[in-house]
């Protein structure tokens, strides 16, 4: 049995996929997990925005993201949308899947390009209008009733794609590669704060008077330039501490705070509403920290065995066992 080997300079064909996402990472820099976390953030962002975009075409369309291939070297993942439809007479006679698939790729391209624009102030409404126009170009339903993505969904997509940038270090490259069209490299030097992103869609902010709260500490901010991760009951929240005097003492190690401890503090809560009058998010700001409550709860203390010594002669009389009845 013989085998024939042919050498060629032609690159192998790309997998049957709609698009790819490539991270060309800088060797020997940063945590190795950053690459895989960034890919995970990107895929999650694609899944979330695709579900919203597909509903804008038709509420009966469901999207499922599948992994087609992974290439080594730089890490490149090829992804494809599997579109499903419940019964809908309006689309039965139309080859709608390729058209909608291309729309989803073009829309993601538009979102990533919008995030990379260094123009301020940024307008989330303009992005929603652009995506609606791209949907109308598909002409799937032959009706001008395509719905723009909700501000909440767009904010989620912006957060997810921004999270990709936040994972990577200088020297890394992140590239969105559509199957048709030119690749789009993310500009990692342009990064947006979450609060800035939220402000793009805010129509009205309702601010509540400061109130005392006890917040359990999940993850302190040791650098002082980001939010603390805290817990109130079963709910995890992120809060910025504006008590500069307390922060200075904490960062100079005059105050010890560890995960599991709690902060007794005065907190301002703001509810942010979008132009559709829906609640976009809640913002927590710690105005003053009045006390650090150490975690004194010890699980082992619940099961401590205590030994009691009774002086000799004071032992209680042990009752004799009852006689067993005779068997008849």
Protein backbone atom coordinates (compact mmCIF):
# COMPACT_ATOMS: atom_id res chain seq x y z
CA UNK A 1 0.00 0.00 0.00
CA UNK A 2 1.49 3.35 -1.05
CA UNK A 3 0.55 6.95 -0.34
CA UNK A 4 1.04 9.99 -2.53
CA UNK A 5 2.08 13.30 -0.97
CA UNK A 6 1.63 16.57 -2.85
CA UNK A 7 3.27 19.81 -1.76
CA UNK A 8 1.49 23.10 -2.39
CA UNK A 9 1.83 26.72 -1.38
CA UNK A 10 -1.94 27.19 -1.37
CA UNK A 11 -3.39 27.79 2.07
CA UNK A 12 -6.00 25.33 3.31
CA UNK A 13 -9.60 26.43 2.99
CA UNK A 14 -11.17 28.10 5.98
CA UNK A 15 -13.71 26.03 7.92
CA UNK A 16 -17.39 26.34 7.12
CA UNK A 17 -17.96 29.26 9.45
CA UNK A 18 -19.43 32.76 9.42
CA UNK A 19 -16.48 34.51 11.01
CA UNK A 20 -13.37 34.06 13.11
CA UNK A 21 -11.85 35.82 16.09
CA UNK A 22 -8.07 35.83 16.35
CA UNK A 23 -5.83 36.85 19.24
CA UNK A 24 -2.19 37.29 18.34
CA UNK A 25 -0.77 37.36 21.85
CA UNK A 26 2.60 38.65 22.99
CA UNK A 27 4.72 35.76 24.24
CA UNK A 28 6.01 35.89 27.78
CA UNK A 29 3.77 38.78 28.85
CA UNK A 30 0.83 38.83 31.25
CA UNK A 31 -1.24 35.95 32.55
CA UNK A 32 -1.73 33.12 30.03
CA UNK A 33 -5.39 32.88 31.04
CA UNK A 34 -6.04 36.35 29.61
CA UNK A 35 -6.20 34.96 26.06
CA UNK A 36 -8.85 32.36 26.84
CA UNK A 37 -10.82 34.76 29.04
CA UNK A 38 -10.84 37.33 26.22
CA UNK A 39 -12.10 34.71 23.76
CA UNK A 40 -14.81 33.68 26.22
CA UNK A 41 -15.89 37.33 26.66
CA UNK A 42 -16.01 37.78 22.88
CA UNK A 43 -18.14 34.66 22.31
CA UNK A 44 -20.51 35.63 25.13
CA UNK A 45 -20.88 39.09 23.61
CA UNK A 46 -21.63 37.59 20.19
CA UNK A 47 -24.26 35.23 21.62
CA UNK A 48 -26.03 38.01 23.51
CA UNK A 49 -26.11 40.55 20.69
CA UNK A 50 -27.05 37.94 18.08
CA UNK A 51 -30.11 36.92 20.07
CA UNK A 52 -31.26 40.55 20.19
CA UNK A 53 -30.45 41.25 16.53
CA UNK A 54 -32.31 38.15 15.34
CA UNK A 55 -35.43 39.20 17.26
CA UNK A 56 -35.28 42.50 15.37
CA UNK A 57 -35.69 40.54 12.14
CA UNK A 58 -38.30 38.12 13.44
CA UNK A 59 -39.23 37.21 17.00
CA UNK A 60 -39.42 33.53 16.01
CA UNK A 61 -35.71 33.25 15.06
CA UNK A 62 -33.40 31.62 17.57
CA UNK A 63 -29.60 31.69 17.35
CA UNK A 64 -27.10 29.08 18.52
CA UNK A 65 -23.35 29.76 18.32
CA UNK A 66 -21.21 26.72 17.49
CA UNK A 67 -17.44 26.29 17.40
CA UNK A 68 -16.18 25.09 14.02
CA UNK A 69 -12.40 25.06 14.45
CA UNK A 70 -9.44 26.34 16.48
CA UNK A 71 -6.11 27.26 14.91
CA UNK A 72 -2.90 27.34 16.94
CA UNK A 73 0.04 29.75 16.73
CA UNK A 74 -1.88 32.85 17.42
CA UNK A 75 -5.22 31.54 18.64
CA UNK A 76 -7.99 31.75 16.07
CA UNK A 77 -11.50 30.40 16.69
CA UNK A 78 -13.94 29.93 13.81
CA UNK A 79 -17.59 30.37 14.78
CA UNK A 80 -20.90 29.80 13.05
CA UNK A 81 -24.49 30.69 13.83
CA UNK A 82 -27.03 27.89 13.60
CA UNK A 83 -30.35 29.64 12.99
CA UNK A 84 -33.61 27.99 13.91
CA UNK A 85 -37.18 29.07 13.26
CA UNK A 86 -40.50 28.02 14.69
CA UNK A 87 -43.40 27.95 12.21
CA UNK A 88 -43.72 31.29 10.44
CA UNK A 89 -45.58 31.50 7.16
CA UNK A 90 -43.90 34.81 6.30
CA UNK A 91 -40.50 33.15 5.89
CA UNK A 92 -41.44 29.68 4.67
CA UNK A 93 -40.84 30.39 1.00
CA UNK A 94 -37.60 32.32 1.45
CA UNK A 95 -33.98 31.18 1.85
CA UNK A 96 -33.65 33.46 4.86
CA UNK A 97 -30.84 31.75 6.80
CA UNK A 98 -27.87 32.90 4.66
CA UNK A 99 -29.30 36.43 4.54
CA UNK A 100 -29.81 36.67 8.31
CA UNK A 101 -26.42 35.05 8.96
CA UNK A 102 -24.66 37.74 6.91
CA UNK A 103 -26.66 40.43 8.70
CA UNK A 104 -25.50 39.19 12.13
CA UNK A 105 -21.85 39.31 10.99
CA UNK A 106 -22.23 42.82 9.52
CA UNK A 107 -23.95 44.03 12.69
CA UNK A 108 -21.16 42.73 14.96
CA UNK A 109 -18.64 44.39 12.64
CA UNK A 110 -20.53 47.68 13.08
CA UNK A 111 -20.62 47.40 16.88
CA UNK A 112 -16.88 46.68 17.14
CA UNK A 113 -16.05 49.53 14.74
CA UNK A 114 -18.28 51.89 16.77
CA UNK A 115 -16.49 50.98 20.01
CA UNK A 116 -13.14 51.77 18.40
CA UNK A 117 -14.16 55.24 17.28
CA UNK A 118 -12.39 57.86 19.38
CA UNK A 119 -15.12 60.45 18.92
CA UNK A 120 -16.86 61.89 21.97
CA UNK A 121 -19.59 62.13 22.97
CA UNK A 122 -20.62 58.78 21.54
CA UNK A 123 -24.24 58.30 20.58
CA UNK A 124 -25.82 54.93 21.27
CA UNK A 125 -28.96 55.93 19.36
CA UNK A 126 -26.92 56.37 16.18
CA UNK A 127 -25.52 52.84 16.58
CA UNK A 128 -29.03 51.43 17.04
CA UNK A 129 -30.20 53.27 13.89
CA UNK A 130 -27.26 51.90 11.90
CA UNK A 131 -28.07 48.33 12.95
CA UNK A 132 -31.72 48.83 12.06
CA UNK A 133 -30.70 50.10 8.61
CA UNK A 134 -28.51 47.02 8.07
CA UNK A 135 -31.46 44.81 9.05
CA UNK A 136 -33.72 46.60 6.58
CA UNK A 137 -31.20 45.92 3.80
CA UNK A 138 -31.80 42.19 4.24
CA UNK A 139 -35.43 42.74 3.10
CA UNK A 140 -36.30 39.36 4.61
CA UNK A 141 -39.84 40.30 5.53
CA UNK A 142 -40.47 42.79 2.67
CA UNK A 143 -41.77 45.20 5.32
CA UNK A 144 -40.16 48.31 6.87
CA UNK A 145 -40.84 47.12 10.43
CA UNK A 146 -37.38 46.01 11.55
CA UNK A 147 -36.80 46.67 15.23
CA UNK A 148 -33.66 48.40 16.50
CA UNK A 149 -31.81 46.63 19.32
CA UNK A 150 -32.76 47.79 22.79
CA UNK A 151 -30.35 50.13 24.63
CA UNK A 152 -29.88 47.47 27.31
CA UNK A 153 -28.80 44.88 24.73
CA UNK A 154 -26.43 47.32 23.05
CA UNK A 155 -24.90 48.28 26.39
CA UNK A 156 -24.37 44.60 27.14
CA UNK A 157 -22.61 44.10 23.80
CA UNK A 158 -20.41 47.14 24.35
CA UNK A 159 -19.49 45.88 27.84
CA UNK A 160 -18.66 42.40 26.55
CA UNK A 161 -16.47 43.60 23.68
CA UNK A 162 -14.83 46.17 25.97
CA UNK A 163 -14.10 43.32 28.42
CA UNK A 164 -12.09 41.63 25.64
CA UNK A 165 -9.83 44.68 25.44
CA UNK A 166 -9.50 44.88 29.22
CA UNK A 167 -8.12 41.32 29.35
CA UNK A 168 -5.31 41.95 26.88
CA UNK A 169 -1.93 43.61 27.39
CA UNK A 170 0.11 45.99 25.19
CA UNK A 171 1.56 44.00 22.31
CA UNK A 172 -1.50 41.72 21.97
CA UNK A 173 -3.74 41.96 18.91
CA UNK A 174 -7.43 41.06 18.59
CA UNK A 175 -8.93 40.70 15.11
CA UNK A 176 -12.51 40.10 13.94
CA UNK A 177 -12.41 38.20 10.64
CA UNK A 178 -15.67 37.96 8.64
CA UNK A 179 -15.84 35.22 6.02
CA UNK A 180 -16.59 37.91 3.46
CA UNK A 181 -14.95 41.30 3.69
CA UNK A 182 -11.87 42.81 5.30
CA UNK A 183 -10.68 41.84 8.80
CA UNK A 184 -11.22 44.41 11.54
CA UNK A 185 -8.52 44.76 14.20
CA UNK A 186 -9.68 46.04 17.56
CA UNK A 187 -7.99 49.22 18.72
CA UNK A 188 -6.81 48.15 22.18
CA UNK A 189 -5.67 51.68 23.01
CA UNK A 190 -9.27 52.97 23.07
CA UNK A 191 -10.99 51.80 26.22
CA UNK A 192 -14.24 52.94 27.77
CA UNK A 193 -15.18 52.97 31.44
CA UNK A 194 -18.43 51.16 32.28
CA UNK A 195 -19.91 54.36 33.70
CA UNK A 196 -19.09 56.18 30.46
CA UNK A 197 -20.79 53.44 28.48
CA UNK A 198 -23.93 53.63 30.64
CA UNK A 199 -24.16 57.40 30.30
CA UNK A 200 -24.56 56.98 26.53
CA UNK A 201 -28.02 55.50 26.96
CA UNK A 202 -29.23 57.30 30.06
CA UNK A 203 -32.29 59.51 29.74
CA UNK A 204 -32.92 60.06 33.44
CA UNK A 205 -31.17 59.30 36.73
CA UNK A 206 -33.13 58.91 39.97
CA UNK A 207 -30.91 59.45 43.02
CA UNK A 208 -31.92 58.22 46.47
CA UNK A 209 -30.78 59.91 49.70
CA UNK A 210 -27.67 58.28 51.29
CA UNK A 211 -28.59 55.36 53.52
CA UNK A 212 -26.61 53.22 56.01
CA UNK A 213 -25.79 49.73 54.74
CA UNK A 214 -23.62 46.79 55.73
CA UNK A 215 -21.84 45.36 52.67
CA UNK A 216 -19.79 42.16 52.76
CA UNK A 217 -16.45 42.42 50.97
CA UNK A 218 -15.83 39.95 48.13
CA UNK A 219 -12.92 41.66 46.37
CA UNK A 220 -11.24 44.84 47.66
CA UNK A 221 -9.66 47.35 45.30
CA UNK A 222 -6.03 47.57 46.39
CA UNK A 223 -4.97 50.00 43.64
CA UNK A 224 -7.66 52.59 44.23
CA UNK A 225 -8.69 53.15 40.61
CA UNK A 226 -11.58 50.71 40.25
CA UNK A 227 -14.68 49.52 42.09
CA UNK A 228 -14.94 47.17 45.05
CA UNK A 229 -16.83 43.93 44.59
CA UNK A 230 -19.28 43.67 47.48
CA UNK A 231 -22.27 41.62 48.51
CA UNK A 232 -25.60 42.68 49.98
CA UNK A 233 -27.51 39.57 50.94
CA UNK A 234 -27.29 37.23 47.95
CA UNK A 235 -26.72 40.09 45.53
CA UNK A 236 -23.26 41.03 44.27
CA UNK A 237 -22.70 44.72 43.55
CA UNK A 238 -19.81 46.90 42.43
CA UNK A 239 -19.30 50.17 44.28
CA UNK A 240 -16.85 53.03 44.12
CA UNK A 241 -15.61 54.40 47.47
CA UNK A 242 -15.41 58.20 47.60
CA UNK A 243 -14.24 58.37 51.23
CA UNK A 244 -10.72 59.60 50.34
CA UNK A 245 -9.46 59.69 53.94
CA UNK A 246 -10.53 56.12 54.63
CA UNK A 247 -9.12 54.91 51.30
CA UNK A 248 -5.75 56.49 52.05
CA UNK A 249 -5.58 54.66 55.39
CA UNK A 250 -6.59 51.39 53.73
CA UNK A 251 -4.01 51.67 50.97
CA UNK A 252 -1.28 52.58 53.46
CA UNK A 253 -2.23 49.45 55.47
CA UNK A 254 -3.40 51.39 58.50
CA UNK A 255 -6.76 49.64 58.06
CA UNK A 256 -7.00 45.92 57.42
CA UNK A 257 -9.88 44.68 55.27
CA UNK A 258 -10.04 41.12 54.00
CA UNK A 259 -12.54 39.19 51.87
CA UNK A 260 -15.32 38.06 54.19
CA UNK A 261 -15.20 41.19 56.31
CA UNK A 262 -17.91 43.82 55.94
CA UNK A 263 -18.11 47.61 55.72
CA UNK A 264 -20.64 49.63 57.66
CA UNK A 265 -21.07 52.62 55.40
CA UNK A 266 -23.28 55.35 53.98
CA UNK A 267 -24.29 54.52 50.42
CA UNK A 268 -25.87 56.55 47.62
CA UNK A 269 -27.93 54.51 45.14
CA UNK A 270 -28.78 55.78 41.66
CA UNK A 271 -31.22 54.19 39.22
CA UNK A 272 -30.36 54.85 35.57
CA UNK A 273 -33.25 54.79 33.06
CA UNK A 274 -32.88 54.67 29.28
CA UNK A 275 -34.77 56.45 26.52
CA UNK A 276 -37.24 53.56 26.45
CA UNK A 277 -37.91 54.27 30.17
CA UNK A 278 -36.53 50.87 31.16
CA UNK A 279 -34.11 50.49 34.08
CA UNK A 280 -30.60 50.20 32.63
CA UNK A 281 -28.63 49.71 35.82
CA UNK A 282 -28.18 50.60 39.47
CA UNK A 283 -25.12 52.52 40.59
CA UNK A 284 -23.75 52.28 44.14
CA UNK A 285 -21.37 54.86 45.64
CA UNK A 286 -19.94 54.57 49.17
CA UNK A 287 -19.75 58.11 50.54
CA UNK A 288 -18.38 57.28 53.98
CA UNK A 289 -17.04 54.16 55.69
CA UNK A 290 -17.83 54.26 59.40
CA UNK A 291 -16.60 50.84 60.53
CA UNK A 292 -14.91 47.65 59.37
CA UNK A 293 -16.71 44.58 60.67
CA UNK A 294 -14.33 41.63 60.90
CA UNK A 295 -15.64 38.22 60.01
CA UNK A 296 -15.81 36.61 63.46
CA UNK A 297 -17.90 33.68 62.38
CA UNK A 298 -15.96 30.44 62.74
CA UNK A 299 -17.56 27.29 61.46
CA UNK A 300 -15.47 25.13 63.78
CA UNK A 301 -16.90 26.81 66.87
CA UNK A 302 -20.27 25.28 66.11
CA UNK A 303 -18.84 21.84 66.70
CA UNK A 304 -16.47 22.53 69.63
CA UNK A 305 -16.48 19.66 72.17
CA UNK A 306 -16.20 20.93 75.72
CA UNK A 307 -14.90 18.74 78.55
CA UNK A 308 -16.56 19.21 81.97
CA UNK A 309 -14.84 17.94 85.16
CA UNK A 310 -17.12 16.95 88.06
CA UNK A 311 -15.53 16.70 91.55
CA UNK A 312 -15.31 13.19 92.99
CA UNK A 313 -18.27 12.33 95.21
CA UNK A 314 -20.61 14.56 93.25
CA UNK A 315 -21.25 12.12 90.45
CA UNK A 316 -24.95 11.59 89.96
CA UNK A 317 -26.30 8.15 90.67
CA UNK A 318 -26.76 6.18 87.49
CA UNK A 319 -30.15 4.51 87.44
CA UNK A 320 -30.15 0.74 87.17
CA UNK A 321 -31.54 -0.75 83.99
CA UNK A 322 -35.01 -2.15 84.19
CA UNK A 323 -35.34 -5.92 84.36
CA UNK A 324 -36.33 -7.48 81.12
CA UNK A 325 -39.72 -9.13 81.16
CA UNK A 326 -39.68 -12.90 81.09
CA UNK A 327 -40.63 -14.52 77.87
CA UNK A 328 -43.72 -16.71 78.08
